[in-house]
């Protein structure tokens, strides 16, 4: 059974999942579009509708994401 769900949000919604606590690196991160649904069995999930805020939170854990010219995000390695 899902502990967290993002279902058909009104705008693209970004998420960060951590299994343990706020001090650990993300176990997963991504986004859900208005025509999608995402279920997570992990109860430590935070969601954002603001890309810059999500980007800032990920950067705190050393994960760098940027937007391309089409507005799609990608991981900078």
Protein backbone atom coordinates (compact mmCIF):
# COMPACT_ATOMS: atom_id res chain seq x y z
CA UNK A 1 0.00 0.00 0.00
CA UNK A 2 1.31 3.45 -0.92
CA UNK A 3 2.26 5.74 1.92
CA UNK A 4 2.51 8.80 -0.32
CA UNK A 5 0.83 9.60 -3.60
CA UNK A 6 1.01 12.46 -6.05
CA UNK A 7 -1.95 12.00 -8.36
CA UNK A 8 -2.73 14.13 -11.38
CA UNK A 9 -1.40 17.39 -9.90
CA UNK A 10 -2.57 20.68 -11.38
CA UNK A 11 1.05 21.59 -12.23
CA UNK A 12 4.29 19.61 -12.56
CA UNK A 13 5.15 18.56 -9.01
CA UNK A 14 8.65 17.67 -7.89
CA UNK A 15 9.45 15.28 -5.06
CA UNK A 16 12.30 14.09 -2.86
CA UNK A 17 12.15 10.74 -1.07
CA UNK A 18 14.39 9.82 1.84
CA UNK A 19 14.06 6.47 3.62
CA UNK A 20 15.80 7.49 6.84
CA UNK A 21 15.90 11.16 7.81
CA UNK A 22 16.66 14.64 6.62
CA UNK A 23 20.40 14.04 7.07
CA UNK A 24 20.62 11.36 4.37
CA UNK A 25 20.97 11.69 0.62
CA UNK A 26 17.78 11.26 -1.38
CA UNK A 27 16.77 7.70 -2.26
CA UNK A 28 14.71 9.05 -5.13
CA UNK A 29 13.70 12.33 -6.69
CA UNK A 30 11.77 13.34 -9.74
CA UNK A 31 8.62 14.99 -10.97
CA UNK A 32 5.05 14.11 -11.78
CA UNK A 33 3.13 15.77 -14.62
CA UNK A 34 -0.58 16.64 -14.48
CA UNK A 35 -1.46 13.53 -16.50
CA UNK A 36 0.47 11.19 -14.18
CA UNK A 37 0.24 9.48 -10.80
CA UNK A 38 3.14 8.43 -8.57
CA UNK A 39 2.88 6.18 -5.52
CA UNK A 40 5.64 5.67 -3.00
CA UNK A 41 5.87 3.02 -0.30
CA UNK A 42 8.24 5.26 1.65
CA UNK A 43 6.69 7.66 4.11
CA UNK A 44 9.42 10.34 4.04
CA UNK A 45 8.50 12.27 0.91
CA UNK A 46 8.44 16.03 0.39
CA UNK A 47 6.85 17.59 -2.66
CA UNK A 48 7.32 20.97 -4.30
CA UNK A 49 5.55 22.88 -7.06
CA UNK A 50 8.39 25.39 -7.35
CA UNK A 51 11.38 24.11 -9.34
CA UNK A 52 13.86 26.53 -7.72
CA UNK A 53 12.88 25.43 -4.22
CA UNK A 54 13.20 21.73 -5.19
CA UNK A 55 16.53 22.47 -6.88
CA UNK A 56 17.81 24.20 -3.71
CA UNK A 57 16.78 21.31 -1.47
CA UNK A 58 18.48 18.77 -3.73
CA UNK A 59 21.64 20.89 -3.89
CA UNK A 60 21.90 20.67 -0.08
CA UNK A 61 22.50 16.93 -0.61
CA UNK A 62 24.91 17.44 -3.50
CA UNK A 63 22.37 16.65 -6.23
CA UNK A 64 22.48 19.26 -8.98
CA UNK A 65 19.58 19.60 -11.40
CA UNK A 66 19.11 22.21 -14.12
CA UNK A 67 16.53 23.08 -16.76
CA UNK A 68 17.23 22.72 -20.46
CA UNK A 69 16.02 25.18 -23.10
CA UNK A 70 12.67 23.36 -23.28
CA UNK A 71 11.99 23.55 -19.54
CA UNK A 72 12.86 19.90 -18.88
CA UNK A 73 14.99 19.19 -15.84
CA UNK A 74 18.08 17.01 -15.95
CA UNK A 75 20.73 15.81 -13.48
CA UNK A 76 24.14 17.50 -13.82
CA UNK A 77 26.90 14.98 -13.24
